[in-house]
Amino acid sequence: MQINTIGVCGAGTMGRGIALTAALAGFNTLLFDLQPEALEKARGQLVKELNKSVEKKKITEAIAAQALSHIAFTSEIEYCLAEIFIEAIVEQIEPKVALFNQLAELNHGDCIFASNTSSLSVTQMAKAIQHPERVIGLHFFNPAHLMKLVEVVTTPFTATAVQQTAWQLMLDLKKTPVLCIDSPGFIVNRVARPYYIESLRLIEEQKATMEQIDRILTSAGFKMGPFALMDLIGNDINYAVSCSVYDQLGKPERLKPSFVQQQLVQTGKWGQKSGEGYYQYKNA
């Protein structure tokens, strides 16, 4: 299937990162969000990100201007027409299903619906969507325009042509796709849970400080320590993923989410995006 336009739903951190990736690769990109103010904020952040890339001489001013020209912004769902939609909205199955079913009514029969969910069951989504064979997971990592890895998540319903098209699209976006079958946490979040959970256990048991843990693990070769990484991802998102994987795997004690992170989430200390998490940030 030929992809000409990529629809991205949700103008938050992940949505605008995916939109920027698509635009830089030369695709017509439609960024949809119900909140006009979210779109305005996204536009400003995209300009800021492109200018930063120009300053670092990663791209030229001409490429930056061309990328921005490829992105259209809308809060009206009736204008959402594309060959593929990648949603990055609230991490709950019901709104994602409702969105895809609305888009299915507006678009042609071959349109692909891809979820950027990091832990929810893509299979459960597909079961509730009009054309389950057209549903797939495309799990990008933050920041989406910089991180190369994308998990291509298939379900028992996913058509072979949809899988092939999604895979080729990731290559066209200059990403590194990894195929995985839908399961709790997919590959990366399943493997990464102990990295976060065990680090939090050390804090709970007062065996080490977060600064010590981050410093030791970065010195051991990890690009970021667990606490700095959780702040980058967003503690609200990271905690939700931990809860989702924990529940779906039958609540094993070794993967029990931490009350330390739960308290941060409940008090709005989500990390870099809120200005405070495990650490404090001046330019949130």
Protein backbone atom coordinates (compact mmCIF):
# COMPACT_ATOMS: atom_id res chain seq x y z
CA MET A 1 0.00 0.00 0.00
CA GLN A 2 1.28 3.47 -0.91
CA ILE A 3 1.44 5.88 2.04
CA ASN A 4 1.13 9.54 1.06
CA THR A 5 -0.32 11.09 4.19
CA ILE A 6 0.33 10.09 7.80
CA GLY A 7 -2.27 11.12 10.36
CA VAL A 8 -0.99 11.54 13.91
CA CYS A 9 -3.59 11.79 16.66
CA GLY A 10 -2.58 13.54 19.86
CA ALA A 11 -0.39 16.64 19.98
CA GLY A 12 1.47 15.80 23.17
CA THR A 13 5.15 14.92 23.45
CA MET A 14 4.91 11.62 21.58
CA GLY A 15 2.44 12.81 18.97
CA ARG A 16 4.43 15.84 17.93
CA GLY A 17 7.63 13.76 17.92
CA ILE A 18 6.07 11.24 15.55
CA ALA A 19 4.69 14.05 13.39
CA LEU A 20 8.14 15.63 13.20
CA THR A 21 9.65 12.28 12.20
CA ALA A 22 7.12 11.89 9.39
CA ALA A 23 7.56 15.45 8.15
CA LEU A 24 11.35 15.24 8.12
CA ALA A 25 11.03 12.08 6.01
CA GLY A 26 9.01 14.05 3.46
CA PHE A 27 5.52 12.74 4.21
CA ASN A 28 2.41 14.89 4.24
CA THR A 29 1.56 14.88 7.93
CA LEU A 30 -1.71 15.70 9.65
CA LEU A 31 -1.51 16.41 13.40
CA PHE A 32 -4.92 16.10 15.04
CA ASP A 33 -5.92 17.05 18.58
CA LEU A 34 -9.30 18.02 19.98
CA GLN A 35 -7.73 20.90 21.90
CA PRO A 36 -6.69 23.86 19.67
CA GLU A 37 -4.38 25.10 22.43
CA ALA A 38 -2.54 21.76 22.38
CA LEU A 39 -1.99 22.19 18.65
CA GLU A 40 -0.62 25.71 19.13
CA LYS A 41 1.74 24.47 21.81
CA ALA A 42 2.82 21.62 19.53
CA ARG A 43 3.49 24.02 16.66
CA GLY A 44 5.69 26.13 18.92
CA GLN A 45 7.59 23.10 20.19
CA LEU A 46 8.11 21.81 16.65
CA VAL A 47 9.55 25.15 15.54
CA LYS A 48 11.80 25.15 18.61
CA GLU A 49 13.01 21.61 17.90
CA LEU A 50 13.70 22.35 14.25
CA ASN A 51 15.59 25.53 15.13
CA LYS A 52 17.67 23.56 17.61
CA SER A 53 18.57 21.06 14.89
CA VAL A 54 19.57 23.91 12.58
CA GLU A 55 21.74 25.47 15.29
CA LYS A 56 23.50 22.14 15.81
CA LYS A 57 23.95 21.89 12.03
CA LYS A 58 22.06 18.60 11.88
CA ILE A 59 19.76 20.03 9.21
CA THR A 60 19.67 23.17 7.08
CA GLU A 61 17.20 26.04 7.41
CA ALA A 62 15.67 24.94 4.10
CA ILE A 63 15.06 21.40 5.39
CA ALA A 64 13.55 22.77 8.61
CA ALA A 65 11.18 25.04 6.67
CA GLN A 66 10.22 22.22 4.33
CA ALA A 67 9.51 19.85 7.23
CA LEU A 68 7.24 22.40 8.92
CA SER A 69 5.42 22.97 5.63
CA HIS A 70 4.61 19.25 5.50
CA ILE A 71 2.61 19.42 8.76
CA ALA A 72 -1.04 20.44 8.83
CA PHE A 73 -2.78 21.02 12.17
CA THR A 74 -6.47 20.36 12.85
CA SER A 75 -8.87 19.94 15.73
CA GLU A 76 -11.68 18.86 13.39
CA ILE A 77 -11.88 15.10 12.94
CA GLU A 78 -13.75 15.39 9.63
CA TYR A 79 -10.52 16.66 8.09
CA CYS A 80 -8.64 13.55 9.18
CA LEU A 81 -8.04 11.74 5.89
CA ALA A 82 -4.91 9.61 5.49
CA GLU A 83 -3.62 6.18 4.52
CA ILE A 84 -2.43 5.48 8.06
CA PHE A 85 -3.23 6.92 11.47
CA ILE A 86 -0.88 6.64 14.42
CA GLU A 87 -2.57 7.49 17.69
CA ALA A 88 -0.70 8.85 20.70
CA ILE A 89 -3.63 9.90 22.87
CA VAL A 90 -4.50 9.06 26.48
CA GLU A 91 -3.27 5.60 27.53
CA GLN A 92 -6.71 3.98 27.84
CA ILE A 93 -8.25 1.43 25.49
CA GLU A 94 -11.74 2.94 25.26
CA PRO A 95 -10.77 6.38 23.85
CA LYS A 96 -8.35 4.76 21.39
CA VAL A 97 -11.04 2.39 20.13
CA ALA A 98 -13.58 5.21 19.83
CA LEU A 99 -11.12 7.33 17.88
CA PHE A 100 -10.23 4.56 15.42
CA ASN A 101 -13.88 3.71 14.84
CA GLN A 102 -14.61 7.36 14.06
CA LEU A 103 -11.69 7.48 11.64
CA ALA A 104 -12.83 4.23 10.00
CA GLU A 105 -16.12 5.92 9.08
CA LEU A 106 -14.27 8.78 7.37
CA ASN A 107 -11.54 6.90 5.51
CA HIS A 108 -11.28 4.32 2.74
CA GLY A 109 -11.28 0.57 3.31
CA ASP A 110 -7.50 0.10 3.27
CA CYS A 111 -6.68 2.70 5.92
CA ILE A 112 -4.33 1.41 8.64
CA PHE A 113 -4.85 2.15 12.34
CA ALA A 114 -1.69 2.04 14.44
CA SER A 115 -1.49 2.52 18.19
CA ASN A 116 1.58 3.95 19.87
CA THR A 117 0.54 2.33 23.15
CA SER A 118 3.46 1.26 25.29
CA SER A 119 1.69 -1.47 27.26
CA LEU A 120 -2.01 -1.85 26.45
CA SER A 121 -3.20 -4.89 24.52
CA VAL A 122 -3.34 -4.10 20.81
CA THR A 123 -5.37 -7.31 20.39
CA GLN A 124 -8.07 -6.04 22.74
CA MET A 125 -8.23 -2.81 20.77
CA ALA A 126 -8.46 -4.67 17.47
CA LYS A 127 -11.38 -6.78 18.71
CA ALA A 128 -13.43 -3.62 19.29
CA ILE A 129 -12.56 -1.87 16.03
CA GLN A 130 -14.57 -2.20 12.81
CA HIS A 131 -11.71 -3.65 10.79
CA PRO A 132 -9.44 -5.59 13.21
CA GLU A 133 -7.24 -6.78 10.36
CA ARG A 134 -6.15 -3.16 9.79
CA VAL A 135 -4.97 -2.61 13.37
CA ILE A 136 -1.31 -2.78 14.40
CA GLY A 137 0.94 -1.39 17.11
CA LEU A 138 3.76 1.06 16.30
CA HIS A 139 5.48 1.78 19.58
CA PHE A 140 7.87 4.71 19.21
CA PHE A 141 10.20 5.77 22.01
CA ASN A 142 10.69 9.24 23.46
CA PRO A 143 11.96 11.47 21.92
CA ALA A 144 10.34 9.94 18.86
CA HIS A 145 12.21 12.02 16.28
CA LEU A 146 15.59 10.94 17.72
CA MET A 147 15.10 7.38 18.96
CA LYS A 148 15.58 4.84 16.17
CA LEU A 149 13.76 1.83 17.61
CA VAL A 150 10.08 1.18 16.85
CA GLU A 151 8.27 -1.96 18.00
CA VAL A 152 5.94 -3.22 15.25
CA VAL A 153 3.28 -5.09 17.22
CA THR A 154 1.05 -7.62 15.46
CA THR A 155 -2.14 -9.27 16.68
CA PRO A 156 -3.82 -12.50 15.56
CA PHE A 157 -6.03 -10.32 13.34
CA THR A 158 -3.36 -8.18 11.65
CA ALA A 159 -3.30 -8.67 7.88
CA THR A 160 0.05 -9.54 6.32
CA ALA A 161 -0.22 -6.56 3.96
CA VAL A 162 -0.74 -4.23 6.93
CA GLN A 163 2.33 -5.62 8.68
CA GLN A 164 4.43 -5.27 5.53
CA THR A 165 3.24 -1.72 4.90
CA ALA A 166 3.91 -0.65 8.49
CA TRP A 167 7.37 -2.23 8.41
CA GLN A 168 8.29 -0.48 5.16
CA LEU A 169 6.97 2.82 6.49
CA MET A 170 9.26 2.57 9.51
CA LEU A 171 12.20 2.02 7.17
CA ASP A 172 11.09 5.04 5.12
CA LEU A 173 11.06 7.05 8.37
CA LYS A 174 14.68 5.92 8.91
CA LYS A 175 13.70 3.92 11.97
CA THR A 176 14.85 0.48 13.12
CA PRO A 177 11.70 -1.67 13.29
CA VAL A 178 11.52 -4.78 15.46
CA LEU A 179 8.65 -7.18 14.94
CA CYS A 180 6.95 -8.51 18.05
CA ILE A 181 3.75 -10.37 18.84
CA ASP A 182 1.29 -8.58 21.11
CA SER A 183 2.04 -9.45 24.74
CA PRO A 184 2.21 -7.48 28.04
CA GLY A 185 4.84 -4.77 27.71
CA PHE A 186 5.86 -6.05 24.25
CA ILE A 187 9.68 -6.49 24.32
CA VAL A 188 11.30 -3.30 25.61
CA ASN A 189 8.91 -2.47 28.44
CA ARG A 190 8.85 -6.10 29.56
CA VAL A 191 12.66 -6.20 29.74
CA ALA A 192 12.96 -2.69 31.23
CA ARG A 193 10.60 -3.16 34.19
CA PRO A 194 13.28 -4.63 36.52
CA TYR A 195 15.61 -1.73 35.64
CA TYR A 196 13.08 0.68 37.12
CA ILE A 197 11.44 -1.51 39.77
CA GLU A 198 14.64 -2.78 41.40
CA SER A 199 16.09 0.73 41.46
CA LEU A 200 12.96 1.96 43.20
CA ARG A 201 13.17 -0.94 45.67
CA LEU A 202 16.64 0.24 46.69
CA ILE A 203 15.15 3.67 47.40
CA GLU A 204 12.25 2.19 49.37
CA GLU A 205 14.67 0.12 51.47
CA GLN A 206 17.03 3.09 51.88
CA LYS A 207 19.93 1.06 50.50
CA ALA A 208 21.09 3.82 48.14
CA THR A 209 20.12 7.26 46.88
CA MET A 210 18.73 7.88 43.43
CA GLU A 211 21.80 9.97 42.58
CA GLN A 212 24.07 7.07 43.51
CA ILE A 213 22.04 4.60 41.47
CA ASP A 214 21.95 6.84 38.40
CA ARG A 215 25.68 7.56 38.65
CA ILE A 216 26.63 3.90 39.05
CA LEU A 217 24.47 2.66 36.19
CA THR A 218 25.61 5.36 33.77
CA SER A 219 29.22 4.60 34.68
CA ALA A 220 28.44 0.94 33.94
CA GLY A 221 27.48 1.85 30.37
CA PHE A 222 23.79 2.73 30.49
CA LYS A 223 23.10 5.97 28.60
CA MET A 224 20.80 7.18 31.37
CA GLY A 225 20.20 6.12 34.94
CA PRO A 226 16.70 4.81 35.80
CA PHE A 227 15.55 7.91 37.68
CA ALA A 228 16.68 10.39 35.05
CA LEU A 229 15.12 8.14 32.41
CA MET A 230 11.79 7.89 34.24
CA ASP A 231 11.72 11.69 34.49
CA LEU A 232 12.35 11.92 30.73
CA ILE A 233 9.63 9.38 29.87
CA GLY A 234 7.20 10.89 32.37
CA ASN A 235 6.45 9.28 35.72
CA ASP A 236 2.75 9.21 34.92
CA ILE A 237 3.44 7.15 31.80
CA ASN A 238 6.13 4.97 33.37
CA TYR A 239 3.96 4.18 36.40
CA ALA A 240 0.96 3.38 34.18
CA VAL A 241 3.10 0.96 32.14
CA SER A 242 4.37 -0.70 35.32
CA CYS A 243 0.79 -1.14 36.57
CA SER A 244 -0.38 -2.48 33.20
CA VAL A 245 2.42 -5.05 32.87
CA TYR A 246 2.02 -6.05 36.53
CA ASP A 247 -1.73 -6.64 36.12
CA GLN A 248 -1.49 -8.44 32.78
CA LEU A 249 1.16 -10.85 34.07
CA GLY A 250 -0.88 -11.85 37.12
CA LYS A 251 0.64 -9.44 39.67
CA PRO A 252 4.02 -11.08 40.37
CA GLU A 253 5.65 -9.59 43.48
CA ARG A 254 8.90 -8.90 41.61
CA LEU A 255 7.08 -6.46 39.30
CA LYS A 256 4.91 -4.72 41.89
CA PRO A 257 4.81 -0.96 41.10
CA SER A 258 6.51 1.29 43.62
CA PHE A 259 4.62 3.51 46.05
CA VAL A 260 7.45 6.04 45.65
CA GLN A 261 6.56 6.57 42.01
CA GLN A 262 2.85 6.42 42.76
CA GLN A 263 3.22 9.34 45.17
CA LEU A 264 5.08 11.39 42.56
CA VAL A 265 2.31 10.77 40.05
CA GLN A 266 -0.43 11.68 42.51
CA THR A 267 1.29 14.97 43.39
CA GLY A 268 1.83 15.94 39.73
CA LYS A 269 5.61 15.43 39.81
CA TRP A 270 5.74 13.79 36.40
CA GLY A 271 9.33 14.64 35.51
CA GLN A 272 10.75 16.99 32.91
CA LYS A 273 7.36 17.91 31.43
CA SER A 274 6.02 19.15 34.79
CA GLY A 275 9.27 20.69 36.02
CA GLU A 276 9.81 18.21 38.84
CA GLY A 277 10.02 14.47 39.32
CA TYR A 278 12.88 12.68 41.00
CA TYR A 279 14.88 15.76 40.02
CA GLN A 280 13.95 19.38 39.41
CA TYR A 281 14.04 21.03 35.98
CA LYS A 282 14.24 24.77 35.30
CA ASN A 283 13.03 24.89 31.70
CA ALA A 284 9.88 22.75 31.82
